[in-house]
Each structure stands twice: as C-alpha cells, then as structure tokens.
Amino acid sequence: MRILCRLPSSAGRTDNLDVVFQVGPLELIVVLVIALLVLGPQRLPEVARSVGRGMREFRNAMNMEDDDEPEPRPQVEPATAEPQQPKTPASS
C-alpha cells in the first residue's frame, strides 16, 4: 500500500515569515554569550561600538536620500552701481 502525503503550499502566505524573524530575550542572550566567547570580554565593547556607529551611519544615509542632488545656488543680480570716479588728493 502506498501512502501519499501532500504538504501545504506556502505560496501567497506570509505568516510563516513572521514566525521565523521573531527574536526573543532567550535568543538575544544566546547570541551575546556566543559573541562573548568568540570575541572575549576586552574586544566585545569595541565591536559593539563599531556596529552601533555603522547602524547610525546607515540610518542617517537612509534619511538623507535627497542629499545627492546639489543645492540650488542663490541668484546674484549683476551690479548696477555707477562706476566710482578716482579720488583726487586734497591739497593743503
């Protein structure tokens, strides 16, 4: 006798992705313990600082999308003043 098993199709369903990317406190603790073992207690704060700076720079870059375009220069009107006449030295 042959038994066929049919798995449900996940096409068009996104609820599985919601479960996959949830990170709880236990998972964070496990990741921190592994990082502590791999990097050591002296190097871990240094790496955490650099990761924080990188995230801050990335966030700032995402917020400043329009900075690639040059800012328009203010219009300067041409000078219309009459030319100055040379001053003659006063005789005393």
Protein backbone atom coordinates (compact mmCIF):
# COMPACT_ATOMS: atom_id res chain seq x y z
CA MET A 1 0.00 0.00 0.00
CA ARG A 2 1.34 3.37 -0.96
CA ILE A 3 0.65 6.47 1.16
CA LEU A 4 0.97 9.87 -0.42
CA CYS A 5 1.49 12.87 1.75
CA ARG A 6 0.79 16.29 0.41
CA LEU A 7 2.44 19.26 2.09
CA PRO A 8 0.52 22.53 2.16
CA SER A 9 1.76 25.10 -0.31
CA SER A 10 3.24 28.26 1.15
CA ALA A 11 2.70 30.32 -2.00
CA GLY A 12 0.90 33.53 -1.15
CA ARG A 13 1.29 33.05 2.58
CA THR A 14 3.49 35.37 4.63
CA ASP A 15 2.56 34.26 8.15
CA ASN A 16 5.48 31.81 8.20
CA LEU A 17 7.95 34.66 7.74
CA ASP A 18 6.55 36.45 10.78
CA VAL A 19 7.39 33.48 12.98
CA VAL A 20 10.88 32.99 11.53
CA PHE A 21 12.16 36.50 12.26
CA GLN A 22 10.87 36.90 15.80
CA VAL A 23 13.75 37.22 18.25
CA GLY A 24 13.02 36.86 21.93
CA PRO A 25 15.11 37.54 25.02
CA LEU A 26 16.44 33.97 25.18
CA GLU A 27 17.76 34.17 21.62
CA LEU A 28 19.46 37.51 22.38
CA ILE A 29 21.15 36.04 25.46
CA VAL A 30 22.42 33.08 23.43
CA VAL A 31 23.83 35.38 20.74
CA LEU A 32 25.53 37.59 23.36
CA VAL A 33 27.08 34.59 25.13
CA ILE A 34 28.43 33.25 21.83
CA ALA A 35 29.80 36.69 20.93
CA LEU A 36 31.46 36.92 24.35
CA LEU A 37 33.09 33.53 23.90
CA VAL A 38 34.29 34.30 20.37
CA LEU A 39 35.46 37.90 20.86
CA GLY A 40 36.43 37.95 24.50
CA PRO A 41 35.49 40.46 27.20
CA GLN A 42 38.04 43.09 26.15
CA ARG A 43 37.15 43.22 22.48
CA LEU A 44 33.34 42.89 22.75
CA PRO A 45 32.64 46.56 23.72
CA GLU A 46 34.86 47.76 20.89
CA VAL A 47 32.99 45.65 18.33
CA ALA A 48 29.61 46.69 19.75
CA ARG A 49 30.60 50.38 19.40
CA SER A 50 31.63 49.93 15.79
CA VAL A 51 28.40 48.06 14.97
CA GLY A 52 26.39 50.86 16.60
CA ARG A 53 28.24 53.52 14.60
CA GLY A 54 27.65 51.58 11.40
CA MET A 55 23.93 51.27 12.12
CA ARG A 56 23.71 55.01 12.92
CA GLU A 57 25.53 55.92 9.67
CA PHE A 58 23.25 53.61 7.68
CA ARG A 59 20.14 55.13 9.27
CA ASN A 60 21.40 58.65 8.57
CA ALA A 61 22.16 57.71 4.97
CA MET A 62 18.65 56.31 4.54
CA ASN A 63 17.12 59.53 5.93
CA MET A 64 19.25 61.77 3.71
CA GLU A 65 18.30 60.28 0.33
CA ASP A 66 17.99 63.65 -1.41
CA ASP A 67 21.43 64.96 -0.44
CA ASP A 68 22.94 63.62 -3.66
CA GLU A 69 21.34 66.46 -5.58
CA PRO A 70 23.25 69.74 -5.41
CA GLU A 71 21.53 72.59 -3.64
CA PRO A 72 20.43 75.42 -5.94
CA ARG A 73 22.67 78.47 -5.75
CA PRO A 74 21.03 81.79 -4.90
CA GLN A 75 20.64 84.15 -7.85
CA VAL A 76 23.08 87.03 -7.73
CA GLU A 77 21.96 90.19 -9.50
CA PRO A 78 24.59 91.96 -11.58
CA ALA A 79 25.97 95.17 -10.13
CA THR A 80 24.18 98.25 -11.47
CA ALA A 81 26.00 100.91 -9.45
CA GLU A 82 27.72 103.70 -11.37
CA PRO A 83 31.47 103.42 -11.60
CA GLN A 84 33.32 105.33 -8.95
CA GLN A 85 35.43 108.27 -10.04
CA PRO A 86 39.04 108.34 -8.90
CA LYS A 87 39.58 110.46 -5.84
CA THR A 88 42.00 113.35 -6.16
CA PRO A 89 44.31 114.07 -3.25
CA ALA A 90 43.30 117.12 -1.28
CA SER A 91 45.84 119.94 -1.27
CA SER A 92 46.67 121.61 1.99
